[in-house]
Amino acid sequence: QVQLVESGGGLVHAGDSLRLSCAASGRADSSYTMGWFRQAPGKEREFVTRITWNGITSYAESVKGRFTISRDNAKNTLYMQMNSLKPEDTAVYYCGANFNGWDWCCWGQGTQVTVSS
């Protein structure tokens, strides 16, 4: 298991950028997949992006070309650069860990991103 703490959210205007961070602790190695999910009011939590321990990435179609995930294994930190933000990106963003290829776990408390039009 791992403990995750997200940060970097805020209130921005459409077209602005934000960078989210997720600090991981409690595990000596970084050989697992990490990802970002989001949950808008009244909606289910949805996948945004993920990155394997060796840097292979995948994105939801809704953010492809605008969001970039990265990780610094030496710092045990996950990042997500969000550009060209849209009001529909408004949500609480969570980072998670995936140790077996199927199940996501270890959610942090989330960080609120609000994009005004």
PDB file of N, CA and C in Angstrom:
ATOM      1  N   GLN A   1       0.829  -1.187   0.000  1.00  0.00           N
ATOM      2  CA  GLN A   1       0.000   0.000   0.000  1.00  0.00           C
ATOM      3  C   GLN A   1       0.867   1.242   0.000  1.00  0.00           C
ATOM      4  N   VAL A   2       0.238   2.371  -0.227  1.00  0.00           N
ATOM      5  CA  VAL A   2       0.936   3.637  -0.277  1.00  0.00           C
ATOM      6  C   VAL A   2      -0.043   4.725   0.163  1.00  0.00           C
ATOM      7  N   GLN A   3       0.490   5.770   0.755  1.00  0.00           N
ATOM      8  CA  GLN A   3      -0.346   6.912   1.136  1.00  0.00           C
ATOM      9  C   GLN A   3      -0.139   8.028   0.116  1.00  0.00           C
ATOM     10  N   LEU A   4      -1.236   8.608  -0.338  1.00  0.00           N
ATOM     11  CA  LEU A   4      -1.182   9.605  -1.403  1.00  0.00           C
ATOM     12  C   LEU A   4      -1.814  10.915  -0.936  1.00  0.00           C
ATOM     13  N   VAL A   5      -1.164  12.017  -1.263  1.00  0.00           N
ATOM     14  CA  VAL A   5      -1.678  13.340  -0.900  1.00  0.00           C
ATOM     15  C   VAL A   5      -1.629  14.236  -2.121  1.00  0.00           C
ATOM     16  N   GLU A   6      -2.803  14.676  -2.568  1.00  0.00           N
ATOM     17  CA  GLU A   6      -2.895  15.541  -3.741  1.00  0.00           C
ATOM     18  C   GLU A   6      -2.819  17.017  -3.345  1.00  0.00           C
ATOM     19  N   SER A   7      -2.330  17.831  -4.268  1.00  0.00           N
ATOM     20  CA  SER A   7      -2.296  19.274  -4.067  1.00  0.00           C
ATOM     21  C   SER A   7      -2.269  19.971  -5.414  1.00  0.00           C
ATOM     22  N   GLY A   8      -2.485  21.284  -5.385  1.00  0.00           N
ATOM     23  CA  GLY A   8      -2.338  22.080  -6.596  1.00  0.00           C
ATOM     24  C   GLY A   8      -3.623  22.553  -7.235  1.00  0.00           C
ATOM     25  N   GLY A   9      -4.759  22.148  -6.693  1.00  0.00           N
ATOM     26  CA  GLY A   9      -6.019  22.584  -7.276  1.00  0.00           C
ATOM     27  C   GLY A   9      -6.276  24.054  -7.027  1.00  0.00           C
ATOM     28  N   GLY A  10      -7.356  24.555  -7.629  1.00  0.00           N
ATOM     29  CA  GLY A  10      -7.708  25.955  -7.431  1.00  0.00           C
ATOM     30  C   GLY A  10      -8.825  26.389  -8.339  1.00  0.00           C
ATOM     31  N   LEU A  11      -9.091  27.688  -8.313  1.00  0.00           N
ATOM     32  CA  LEU A  11     -10.112  28.297  -9.157  1.00  0.00           C
ATOM     33  C   LEU A  11      -9.423  29.064 -10.272  1.00  0.00           C
ATOM     34  N   VAL A  12      -9.732  28.689 -11.513  1.00  0.00           N
ATOM     35  CA  VAL A  12      -9.115  29.325 -12.671  1.00  0.00           C
ATOM     36  C   VAL A  12     -10.179  29.638 -13.708  1.00  0.00           C
ATOM     37  N   HIS A  13      -9.780  30.403 -14.725  1.00  0.00           N
ATOM     38  CA  HIS A  13     -10.669  30.706 -15.835  1.00  0.00           C
ATOM     39  C   HIS A  13     -10.446  29.715 -16.972  1.00  0.00           C
ATOM     40  N   ALA A  14     -11.435  29.593 -17.804  1.00  0.00           N
ATOM     41  CA  ALA A  14     -11.307  28.750 -18.991  1.00  0.00           C
ATOM     42  C   ALA A  14     -10.087  29.188 -19.805  1.00  0.00           C
ATOM     43  N   GLY A  15      -9.317  28.197 -20.246  1.00  0.00           N
ATOM     44  CA  GLY A  15      -8.112  28.478 -21.009  1.00  0.00           C
ATOM     45  C   GLY A  15      -6.843  28.541 -20.173  1.00  0.00           C
ATOM     46  N   ASP A  16      -7.007  28.637 -18.864  1.00  0.00           N
ATOM     47  CA  ASP A  16      -5.849  28.688 -17.971  1.00  0.00           C
ATOM     48  C   ASP A  16      -5.228  27.307 -17.785  1.00  0.00           C
ATOM     49  N   SER A  17      -4.141  27.279 -17.031  1.00  0.00           N
ATOM     50  CA  SER A  17      -3.424  26.033 -16.743  1.00  0.00           C
ATOM     51  C   SER A  17      -3.282  25.837 -15.245  1.00  0.00           C
ATOM     52  N   LEU A  18      -3.149  24.586 -14.842  1.00  0.00           N
ATOM     53  CA  LEU A  18      -2.844  24.208 -13.463  1.00  0.00           C
ATOM     54  C   LEU A  18      -1.950  22.980 -13.500  1.00  0.00           C
ATOM     55  N   ARG A  19      -1.143  22.833 -12.452  1.00  0.00           N
ATOM     56  CA  ARG A  19      -0.380  21.602 -12.292  1.00  0.00           C
ATOM     57  C   ARG A  19      -0.718  20.982 -10.957  1.00  0.00           C
ATOM     58  N   LEU A  20      -1.211  19.763 -11.007  1.00  0.00           N
ATOM     59  CA  LEU A  20      -1.498  19.019  -9.795  1.00  0.00           C
ATOM     60  C   LEU A  20      -0.319  18.140  -9.430  1.00  0.00           C
ATOM     61  N   SER A  21      -0.152  17.930  -8.132  1.00  0.00           N
ATOM     62  CA  SER A  21       0.891  17.041  -7.624  1.00  0.00           C
ATOM     63  C   SER A  21       0.265  16.009  -6.700  1.00  0.00           C
ATOM     64  N   CYS A  22       0.916  14.872  -6.614  1.00  0.00           N
ATOM     65  CA  CYS A  22       0.487  13.812  -5.710  1.00  0.00           C
ATOM     66  C   CYS A  22       1.724  13.206  -5.084  1.00  0.00           C
ATOM     67  N   ALA A  23       1.884  13.423  -3.789  1.00  0.00           N
ATOM     68  CA  ALA A  23       3.037  12.900  -3.059  1.00  0.00           C
ATOM     69  C   ALA A  23       2.711  11.532  -2.493  1.00  0.00           C
ATOM     70  N   ALA A  24       3.579  10.574  -2.753  1.00  0.00           N
ATOM     71  CA  ALA A  24       3.407   9.199  -2.280  1.00  0.00           C
ATOM     72  C   ALA A  24       4.375   8.910  -1.147  1.00  0.00           C
ATOM     73  N   SER A  25       3.912   8.165  -0.162  1.00  0.00           N
ATOM     74  CA  SER A  25       4.780   7.780   0.947  1.00  0.00           C
ATOM     75  C   SER A  25       4.369   6.415   1.451  1.00  0.00           C
ATOM     76  N   GLY A  26       5.264   5.798   2.201  1.00  0.00           N
ATOM     77  CA  GLY A  26       4.960   4.524   2.826  1.00  0.00           C
ATOM     78  C   GLY A  26       5.372   3.308   2.041  1.00  0.00           C
ATOM     79  N   ARG A  27       6.064   3.517   0.937  1.00  0.00           N
ATOM     80  CA  ARG A  27       6.510   2.392   0.126  1.00  0.00           C
ATOM     81  C   ARG A  27       7.892   2.711  -0.410  1.00  0.00           C
ATOM     82  N   ALA A  28       8.795   1.741  -0.325  1.00  0.00           N
ATOM     83  CA  ALA A  28      10.194   1.990  -0.696  1.00  0.00           C
ATOM     84  C   ALA A  28      10.387   2.070  -2.202  1.00  0.00           C
ATOM     85  N   ASP A  29       9.618   1.302  -2.974  1.00  0.00           N
ATOM     86  CA  ASP A  29       9.832   1.291  -4.420  1.00  0.00           C
ATOM     87  C   ASP A  29       8.725   2.053  -5.140  1.00  0.00           C
ATOM     88  N   SER A  30       8.959   2.350  -6.412  1.00  0.00           N
ATOM     89  CA  SER A  30       7.986   3.064  -7.248  1.00  0.00           C
ATOM     90  C   SER A  30       7.533   2.206  -8.416  1.00  0.00           C
ATOM     91  N   SER A  31       7.632   0.908  -8.298  1.00  0.00           N
ATOM     92  CA  SER A  31       7.348   0.004  -9.412  1.00  0.00           C
ATOM     93  C   SER A  31       5.862  -0.332  -9.508  1.00  0.00           C
ATOM     94  N   TYR A  32       5.046   0.692  -9.632  1.00  0.00           N
ATOM     95  CA  TYR A  32       3.606   0.484  -9.780  1.00  0.00           C
ATOM     96  C   TYR A  32       3.046   1.627 -10.611  1.00  0.00           C
ATOM     97  N   THR A  33       1.869   1.392 -11.143  1.00  0.00           N
ATOM     98  CA  THR A  33       1.201   2.403 -11.954  1.00  0.00           C
ATOM     99  C   THR A  33       0.504   3.416 -11.065  1.00  0.00           C
ATOM    100  N   MET A  34       0.546   4.653 -11.468  1.00  0.00           N
ATOM    101  CA  MET A  34      -0.183   5.713 -10.774  1.00  0.00           C
ATOM    102  C   MET A  34      -1.097   6.423 -11.760  1.00  0.00           C
ATOM    103  N   GLY A  35      -2.137   7.028 -11.259  1.00  0.00           N
ATOM    104  CA  GLY A  35      -3.069   7.670 -12.172  1.00  0.00           C
ATOM    105  C   GLY A  35      -3.860   8.778 -11.517  1.00  0.00           C
ATOM    106  N   TRP A  36      -4.544   9.519 -12.351  1.00  0.00           N
ATOM    107  CA  TRP A  36      -5.443  10.576 -11.907  1.00  0.00           C
ATOM    108  C   TRP A  36      -6.868  10.234 -12.326  1.00  0.00           C
ATOM    109  N   PHE A  37      -7.769  10.450 -11.415  1.00  0.00           N
ATOM    110  CA  PHE A  37      -9.191  10.312 -11.660  1.00  0.00           C
ATOM    111  C   PHE A  37      -9.852  11.608 -11.220  1.00  0.00           C
ATOM    112  N   ARG A  38     -11.094  11.804 -11.638  1.00  0.00           N
ATOM    113  CA  ARG A  38     -11.818  12.986 -11.187  1.00  0.00           C
ATOM    114  C   ARG A  38     -13.282  12.660 -10.972  1.00  0.00           C
ATOM    115  N   GLN A  39     -13.899  13.445 -10.116  1.00  0.00           N
ATOM    116  CA  GLN A  39     -15.304  13.266  -9.819  1.00  0.00           C
ATOM    117  C   GLN A  39     -15.993  14.617  -9.771  1.00  0.00           C
ATOM    118  N   ALA A  40     -16.896  14.823 -10.715  1.00  0.00           N
ATOM    119  CA  ALA A  40     -17.683  16.049 -10.757  1.00  0.00           C
ATOM    120  C   ALA A  40     -18.939  15.869  -9.904  1.00  0.00           C
ATOM    121  N   PRO A  41     -19.545  16.945  -9.447  1.00  0.00           N
ATOM    122  CA  PRO A  41     -20.749  16.846  -8.620  1.00  0.00           C
ATOM    123  C   PRO A  41     -21.830  16.021  -9.304  1.00  0.00           C
ATOM    124  N   GLY A  42     -22.358  15.049  -8.588  1.00  0.00           N
ATOM    125  CA  GLY A  42     -23.435  14.227  -9.111  1.00  0.00           C
ATOM    126  C   GLY A  42     -23.026  13.172 -10.120  1.00  0.00           C
ATOM    127  N   LYS A  43     -21.729  13.017 -10.319  1.00  0.00           N
ATOM    128  CA  LYS A  43     -21.237  12.045 -11.301  1.00  0.00           C
ATOM    129  C   LYS A  43     -20.335  11.019 -10.644  1.00  0.00           C
ATOM    130  N   GLU A  44     -20.117   9.915 -11.369  1.00  0.00           N
ATOM    131  CA  GLU A  44     -19.209   8.891 -10.903  1.00  0.00           C
ATOM    132  C   GLU A  44     -17.754   9.346 -11.087  1.00  0.00           C
ATOM    133  N   ARG A  45     -16.884   8.768 -10.284  1.00  0.00           N
ATOM    134  CA  ARG A  45     -15.455   9.022 -10.481  1.00  0.00           C
ATOM    135  C   ARG A  45     -15.047   8.452 -11.827  1.00  0.00           C
ATOM    136  N   GLU A  46     -14.265   9.226 -12.590  1.00  0.00           N
ATOM    137  CA  GLU A  46     -13.868   8.770 -13.919  1.00  0.00           C
ATOM    138  C   GLU A  46     -12.356   8.836 -14.090  1.00  0.00           C
ATOM    139  N   PHE A  47     -11.881   7.955 -14.924  1.00  0.00           N
ATOM    140  CA  PHE A  47     -10.451   7.890 -15.257  1.00  0.00           C
ATOM    141  C   PHE A  47     -10.045   9.112 -16.070  1.00  0.00           C
ATOM    142  N   VAL A  48      -8.878   9.657 -15.768  1.00  0.00           N
ATOM    143  CA  VAL A  48      -8.333  10.777 -16.526  1.00  0.00           C
ATOM    144  C   VAL A  48      -7.058  10.357 -17.251  1.00  0.00           C
ATOM    145  N   THR A  49      -6.101   9.829 -16.510  1.00  0.00           N
ATOM    146  CA  THR A  49      -4.822   9.464 -17.100  1.00  0.00           C
ATOM    147  C   THR A  49      -4.066   8.547 -16.152  1.00  0.00           C
ATOM    148  N   ARG A  50      -3.098   7.801 -16.692  1.00  0.00           N
ATOM    149  CA  ARG A  50      -2.276   6.939 -15.859  1.00  0.00           C
ATOM    150  C   ARG A  50      -0.876   6.863 -16.458  1.00  0.00           C
ATOM    151  N   ILE A  51       0.052   6.446 -15.615  1.00  0.00           N
ATOM    152  CA  ILE A  51       1.436   6.293 -16.054  1.00  0.00           C
ATOM    153  C   ILE A  51       2.033   5.097 -15.333  1.00  0.00           C
ATOM    154  N   THR A  52       2.703   4.229 -16.075  1.00  0.00           N
ATOM    155  CA  THR A  52       3.352   3.079 -15.463  1.00  0.00           C
ATOM    156  C   THR A  52       4.659   3.515 -14.790  1.00  0.00           C
ATOM    157  N   TRP A  53       5.272   2.587 -14.073  1.00  0.00           N
ATOM    158  CA  TRP A  53       6.492   2.932 -13.357  1.00  0.00           C
ATOM    159  C   TRP A  53       7.585   3.361 -14.324  1.00  0.00           C
ATOM    160  N   ASN A  54       7.543   2.844 -15.578  1.00  0.00           N
ATOM    161  CA  ASN A  54       8.589   3.165 -16.551  1.00  0.00           C
ATOM    162  C   ASN A  54       8.120   4.172 -17.595  1.00  0.00           C
ATOM    163  N   GLY A  55       7.004   4.891 -17.325  1.00  0.00           N
ATOM    164  CA  GLY A  55       6.669   6.054 -18.133  1.00  0.00           C
ATOM    165  C   GLY A  55       5.678   5.862 -19.261  1.00  0.00           C
ATOM    166  N   ILE A  56       5.051   4.720 -19.370  1.00  0.00           N
ATOM    167  CA  ILE A  56       4.033   4.525 -20.411  1.00  0.00           C
ATOM    168  C   ILE A  56       2.731   5.176 -19.946  1.00  0.00           C
ATOM    169  N   THR A  57       2.151   5.988 -20.815  1.00  0.00           N
ATOM    170  CA  THR A  57       0.989   6.781 -20.420  1.00  0.00           C
ATOM    171  C   THR A  57      -0.250   6.445 -21.250  1.00  0.00           C
ATOM    172  N   SER A  58      -1.393   6.740 -20.692  1.00  0.00           N
ATOM    173  CA  SER A  58      -2.648   6.681 -21.430  1.00  0.00           C
ATOM    174  C   SER A  58      -3.571   7.762 -20.877  1.00  0.00           C
ATOM    175  N   TYR A  59      -4.481   8.233 -21.739  1.00  0.00           N
ATOM    176  CA  TYR A  59      -5.344   9.367 -21.398  1.00  0.00           C
ATOM    177  C   TYR A  59      -6.787   9.099 -21.816  1.00  0.00           C
ATOM    178  N   ALA A  60      -7.704   9.682 -21.077  1.00  0.00           N
ATOM    179  CA  ALA A  60      -9.084   9.727 -21.523  1.00  0.00           C
ATOM    180  C   ALA A  60      -9.166  10.648 -22.733  1.00  0.00           C
ATOM    181  N   GLU A  61     -10.084  10.338 -23.628  1.00  0.00           N
ATOM    182  CA  GLU A  61     -10.212  11.141 -24.852  1.00  0.00           C
ATOM    183  C   GLU A  61     -10.511  12.603 -24.542  1.00  0.00           C
ATOM    184  N   SER A  62     -11.233  12.839 -23.472  1.00  0.00           N
ATOM    185  CA  SER A  62     -11.660  14.195 -23.136  1.00  0.00           C
ATOM    186  C   SER A  62     -10.502  15.110 -22.739  1.00  0.00           C
ATOM    187  N   VAL A  63      -9.356  14.533 -22.377  1.00  0.00           N
ATOM    188  CA  VAL A  63      -8.225  15.364 -21.940  1.00  0.00           C
ATOM    189  C   VAL A  63      -7.006  15.201 -22.829  1.00  0.00           C
ATOM    190  N   LYS A  64      -7.065  14.302 -23.779  1.00  0.00           N
ATOM    191  CA  LYS A  64      -5.923  14.038 -24.645  1.00  0.00           C
ATOM    192  C   LYS A  64      -5.517  15.312 -25.383  1.00  0.00           C
ATOM    193  N   GLY A  65      -4.224  15.597 -25.341  1.00  0.00           N
ATOM    194  CA  GLY A  65      -3.717  16.796 -25.986  1.00  0.00           C
ATOM    195  C   GLY A  65      -3.726  18.027 -25.101  1.00  0.00           C
ATOM    196  N   ARG A  66      -4.414  17.962 -23.964  1.00  0.00           N
ATOM    197  CA  ARG A  66      -4.465  19.108 -23.041  1.00  0.00           C
ATOM    198  C   ARG A  66      -3.781  18.802 -21.716  1.00  0.00           C
ATOM    199  N   PHE A  67      -3.890  17.564 -21.246  1.00  0.00           N
ATOM    200  CA  PHE A  67      -3.302  17.166 -19.963  1.00  0.00           C
ATOM    201  C   PHE A  67      -2.071  16.302 -20.219  1.00  0.00           C
ATOM    202  N   THR A  68      -1.085  16.435 -19.344  1.00  0.00           N
ATOM    203  CA  THR A  68       0.123  15.619 -19.432  1.00  0.00           C
ATOM    204  C   THR A  68       0.467  15.072 -18.058  1.00  0.00           C
ATOM    205  N   ILE A  69       0.581  13.754 -17.969  1.00  0.00           N
ATOM    206  CA  ILE A  69       0.949  13.114 -16.707  1.00  0.00           C
ATOM    207  C   ILE A  69       2.449  12.836 -16.717  1.00  0.00           C
ATOM    208  N   SER A  70       3.050  12.944 -15.547  1.00  0.00           N
ATOM    209  CA  SER A  70       4.467  12.607 -15.409  1.00  0.00           C
ATOM    210  C   SER A  70       4.716  12.183 -13.969  1.00  0.00           C
ATOM    211  N   ARG A  71       5.858  11.587 -13.740  1.00  0.00           N
ATOM    212  CA  ARG A  71       6.196  11.177 -12.384  1.00  0.00           C
ATOM    213  C   ARG A  71       7.680  11.315 -12.174  1.00  0.00           C
ATOM    214  N   ASP A  72       8.049  11.604 -10.953  1.00  0.00           N
ATOM    215  CA  ASP A  72       9.452  11.675 -10.553  1.00  0.00           C
ATOM    216  C   ASP A  72       9.629  10.596  -9.490  1.00  0.00           C
ATOM    217  N   ASN A  73      10.147   9.449  -9.887  1.00  0.00           N
ATOM    218  CA  ASN A  73      10.256   8.328  -8.955  1.00  0.00           C
ATOM    219  C   ASN A  73      11.237   8.624  -7.821  1.00  0.00           C
ATOM    220  N   ALA A  74      12.229   9.441  -8.082  1.00  0.00           N
ATOM    221  CA  ALA A  74      13.197   9.790  -7.031  1.00  0.00           C
ATOM    222  C   ALA A  74      12.523  10.607  -5.926  1.00  0.00           C
ATOM    223  N   LYS A  75      11.513  11.382  -6.309  1.00  0.00           N
ATOM    224  CA  LYS A  75      10.797  12.214  -5.336  1.00  0.00           C
ATOM    225  C   LYS A  75       9.477  11.584  -4.904  1.00  0.00           C
ATOM    226  N   ASN A  76       9.161  10.407  -5.449  1.00  0.00           N
ATOM    227  CA  ASN A  76       7.888   9.741  -5.139  1.00  0.00           C
ATOM    228  C   ASN A  76       6.709  10.666  -5.373  1.00  0.00           C
ATOM    229  N   THR A  77       6.732  11.371  -6.477  1.00  0.00           N
ATOM    230  CA  THR A  77       5.695  12.357  -6.767  1.00  0.00           C
ATOM    231  C   THR A  77       5.148  12.180  -8.174  1.00  0.00           C
ATOM    232  N   LEU A  78       3.839  12.276  -8.267  1.00  0.00           N
ATOM    233  CA  LEU A  78       3.120  12.217  -9.529  1.00  0.00           C
ATOM    234  C   LEU A  78       2.633  13.620  -9.863  1.00  0.00           C
ATOM    235  N   TYR A  79       2.641  13.958 -11.141  1.00  0.00           N
ATOM    236  CA  TYR A  79       2.190  15.282 -11.572  1.00  0.00           C
ATOM    237  C   TYR A  79       1.160  15.154 -12.688  1.00  0.00           C
ATOM    238  N   MET A  80       0.387  16.208 -12.850  1.00  0.00           N
ATOM    239  CA  MET A  80      -0.476  16.316 -14.018  1.00  0.00           C
ATOM    240  C   MET A  80      -0.554  17.790 -14.416  1.00  0.00           C
ATOM    241  N   GLN A  81      -0.012  18.089 -15.570  1.00  0.00           N
ATOM    242  CA  GLN A  81      -0.091  19.430 -16.126  1.00  0.00           C
ATOM    243  C   GLN A  81      -1.381  19.534 -16.924  1.00  0.00           C
ATOM    244  N   MET A  82      -2.215  20.489 -16.569  1.00  0.00           N
ATOM    245  CA  MET A  82      -3.511  20.663 -17.226  1.00  0.00           C
ATOM    246  C   MET A  82      -3.511  22.013 -17.938  1.00  0.00           C
ATOM    247  N   ASN A  83      -3.591  21.981 -19.249  1.00  0.00           N
ATOM    248  CA  ASN A  83      -3.626  23.191 -20.059  1.00  0.00           C
ATOM    249  C   ASN A  83      -4.984  23.334 -20.730  1.00  0.00           C
ATOM    250  N   SER A  84      -5.267  24.528 -21.200  1.00  0.00           N
ATOM    251  CA  SER A  84      -6.522  24.799 -21.917  1.00  0.00           C
ATOM    252  C   SER A  84      -7.730  24.267 -21.154  1.00  0.00           C
ATOM    253  N   LEU A  85      -7.784  24.593 -19.883  1.00  0.00           N
ATOM    254  CA  LEU A  85      -8.852  24.076 -19.039  1.00  0.00           C
ATOM    255  C   LEU A  85     -10.214  24.562 -19.488  1.00  0.00           C
ATOM    256  N   LYS A  86     -11.204  23.698 -19.312  1.00  0.00           N
ATOM    257  CA  LYS A  86     -12.575  23.980 -19.704  1.00  0.00           C
ATOM    258  C   LYS A  86     -13.479  23.885 -18.473  1.00  0.00           C
ATOM    259  N   PRO A  87     -14.610  24.532 -18.503  1.00  0.00           N
ATOM    260  CA  PRO A  87     -15.540  24.416 -17.363  1.00  0.00           C
ATOM    261  C   PRO A  87     -15.900  22.965 -17.051  1.00  0.00           C
ATOM    262  N   GLU A  88     -15.960  22.129 -18.061  1.00  0.00           N
ATOM    263  CA  GLU A  88     -16.301  20.718 -17.834  1.00  0.00           C
ATOM    264  C   GLU A  88     -15.179  19.936 -17.165  1.00  0.00           C
ATOM    265  N   ASP A  89     -14.032  20.544 -16.980  1.00  0.00           N
ATOM    266  CA  ASP A  89     -12.948  19.907 -16.219  1.00  0.00           C
ATOM    267  C   ASP A  89     -13.139  20.109 -14.715  1.00  0.00           C
ATOM    268  N   THR A  90     -14.112  20.896 -14.328  1.00  0.00           N
ATOM    269  CA  THR A  90     -14.373  21.138 -12.913  1.00  0.00           C
ATOM    270  C   THR A  90     -14.717  19.837 -12.210  1.00  0.00           C
ATOM    271  N   ALA A  91     -13.969  19.530 -11.153  1.00  0.00           N
ATOM    272  CA  ALA A  91     -14.146  18.274 -10.428  1.00  0.00           C
ATOM    273  C   ALA A  91     -13.175  18.241  -9.258  1.00  0.00           C
ATOM    274  N   VAL A  92     -13.356  17.254  -8.407  1.00  0.00           N
ATOM    275  CA  VAL A  92     -12.327  16.909  -7.427  1.00  0.00           C
ATOM    276  C   VAL A  92     -11.421  15.885  -8.098  1.00  0.00           C
ATOM    277  N   TYR A  93     -10.140  16.147  -8.073  1.00  0.00           N
ATOM    278  CA  TYR A  93      -9.160  15.271  -8.708  1.00  0.00           C
ATOM    279  C   TYR A  93      -8.460  14.435  -7.647  1.00  0.00           C
ATOM    280  N   TYR A  94      -8.386  13.143  -7.935  1.00  0.00           N
ATOM    281  CA  TYR A  94      -7.768  12.182  -7.027  1.00  0.00           C
ATOM    282  C   TYR A  94      -6.635  11.450  -7.727  1.00  0.00           C
ATOM    283  N   CYS A  95      -5.595  11.138  -6.990  1.00  0.00           N
ATOM    284  CA  CYS A  95      -4.599  10.225  -7.535  1.00  0.00           C
ATOM    285  C   CYS A  95      -4.763   8.868  -6.867  1.00  0.00           C
ATOM    286  N   GLY A  96      -4.391   7.842  -7.616  1.00  0.00           N
ATOM    287  CA  GLY A  96      -4.511   6.486  -7.123  1.00  0.00           C
ATOM    288  C   GLY A  96      -3.321   5.656  -7.552  1.00  0.00           C
ATOM    289  N   ALA A  97      -3.217   4.485  -6.941  1.00  0.00           N
ATOM    290  CA  ALA A  97      -2.140   3.558  -7.246  1.00  0.00           C
ATOM    291  C   ALA A  97      -2.737   2.236  -7.705  1.00  0.00           C
ATOM    292  N   ASN A  98      -2.020   1.580  -8.592  1.00  0.00           N
ATOM    293  CA  ASN A  98      -2.474   0.298  -9.123  1.00  0.00           C
ATOM    294  C   ASN A  98      -1.304  -0.672  -9.088  1.00  0.00           C
ATOM    295  N   PHE A  99      -1.417  -1.691  -8.245  1.00  0.00           N
ATOM    296  CA  PHE A  99      -0.309  -2.627  -8.049  1.00  0.00           C
ATOM    297  C   PHE A  99      -0.452  -3.915  -8.856  1.00  0.00           C
ATOM    298  N   ASN A 100      -1.661  -4.236  -9.328  1.00  0.00           N
ATOM    299  CA  ASN A 100      -1.866  -5.538  -9.972  1.00  0.00           C
ATOM    300  C   ASN A 100      -2.420  -5.438 -11.386  1.00  0.00           C
ATOM    301  N   GLY A 101      -2.577  -4.259 -11.913  1.00  0.00           N
ATOM    302  CA  GLY A 101      -3.093  -4.092 -13.263  1.00  0.00           C
ATOM    303  C   GLY A 101      -4.603  -4.002 -13.364  1.00  0.00           C
ATOM    304  N   TRP A 102      -5.302  -4.207 -12.255  1.00  0.00           N
ATOM    305  CA  TRP A 102      -6.757  -4.151 -12.294  1.00  0.00           C
ATOM    306  C   TRP A 102      -7.337  -3.146 -11.310  1.00  0.00           C
ATOM    307  N   ASP A 103      -6.934  -3.229 -10.064  1.00  0.00           N
ATOM    308  CA  ASP A 103      -7.588  -2.475  -8.996  1.00  0.00           C
ATOM    309  C   ASP A 103      -6.821  -1.211  -8.649  1.00  0.00           C
ATOM    310  N   TRP A 104      -7.582  -0.133  -8.536  1.00  0.00           N
ATOM    311  CA  TRP A 104      -7.017   1.126  -8.075  1.00  0.00           C
ATOM    312  C   TRP A 104      -7.283   1.273  -6.582  1.00  0.00           C
ATOM    313  N   CYS A 105      -6.326   1.828  -5.882  1.00  0.00           N
ATOM    314  CA  CYS A 105      -6.480   1.950  -4.441  1.00  0.00           C
ATOM    315  C   CYS A 105      -5.787   3.197  -3.949  1.00  0.00           C
ATOM    316  N   CYS A 106      -5.873   3.332  -2.613  1.00  0.00           N
ATOM    317  CA  CYS A 106      -5.024   4.245  -1.879  1.00  0.00           C
ATOM    318  C   CYS A 106      -5.327   5.714  -2.189  1.00  0.00           C
ATOM    319  N   TRP A 107      -6.585   6.012  -2.458  1.00  0.00           N
ATOM    320  CA  TRP A 107      -6.960   7.368  -2.852  1.00  0.00           C
ATOM    321  C   TRP A 107      -6.599   8.386  -1.781  1.00  0.00           C
ATOM    322  N   GLY A 108      -6.138   9.547  -2.244  1.00  0.00           N
ATOM    323  CA  GLY A 108      -5.919  10.647  -1.326  1.00  0.00           C
ATOM    324  C   GLY A 108      -7.223  11.363  -1.053  1.00  0.00           C
ATOM    325  N   GLN A 109      -7.111  12.542  -0.443  1.00  0.00           N
ATOM    326  CA  GLN A 109      -8.304  13.298  -0.081  1.00  0.00           C
ATOM    327  C   GLN A 109      -8.871  14.087  -1.261  1.00  0.00           C
ATOM    328  N   GLY A 110      -8.103  14.188  -2.322  1.00  0.00           N
ATOM    329  CA  GLY A 110      -8.540  14.911  -3.506  1.00  0.00           C
ATOM    330  C   GLY A 110      -8.205  16.384  -3.450  1.00  0.00           C
ATOM    331  N   THR A 111      -8.175  17.007  -4.611  1.00  0.00           N
ATOM    332  CA  THR A 111      -7.950  18.452  -4.694  1.00  0.00           C
ATOM    333  C   THR A 111      -8.960  19.032  -5.681  1.00  0.00           C
ATOM    334  N   GLN A 112      -9.598  20.111  -5.281  1.00  0.00           N
ATOM    335  CA  GLN A 112     -10.681  20.691  -6.074  1.00  0.00           C
ATOM    336  C   GLN A 112     -10.117  21.559  -7.195  1.00  0.00           C
ATOM    337  N   VAL A 113     -10.611  21.316  -8.398  1.00  0.00           N
ATOM    338  CA  VAL A 113     -10.315  22.164  -9.545  1.00  0.00           C
ATOM    339  C   VAL A 113     -11.635  22.748 -10.038  1.00  0.00           C
ATOM    340  N   THR A 114     -11.702  24.063 -10.087  1.00  0.00           N
ATOM    341  CA  THR A 114     -12.895  24.749 -10.561  1.00  0.00           C
ATOM    342  C   THR A 114     -12.508  25.673 -11.706  1.00  0.00           C
ATOM    343  N   VAL A 115     -13.163  25.476 -12.850  1.00  0.00           N
ATOM    344  CA  VAL A 115     -12.869  26.268 -14.033  1.00  0.00           C
ATOM    345  C   VAL A 115     -14.095  27.101 -14.373  1.00  0.00           C
ATOM    346  N   SER A 116     -13.941  28.407 -14.319  1.00  0.00           N
ATOM    347  CA  SER A 116     -15.066  29.297 -14.634  1.00  0.00           C
ATOM    348  C   SER A 116     -15.034  29.680 -16.105  1.00  0.00           C
ATOM    349  N   SER A 117     -16.196  29.914 -16.656  1.00  0.00           N
ATOM    350  CA  SER A 117     -16.285  30.255 -18.083  1.00  0.00           C
ATOM    351  C   SER A 117     -16.149  31.743 -18.308  1.00  0.00           C
TER     352      SER A 117
END
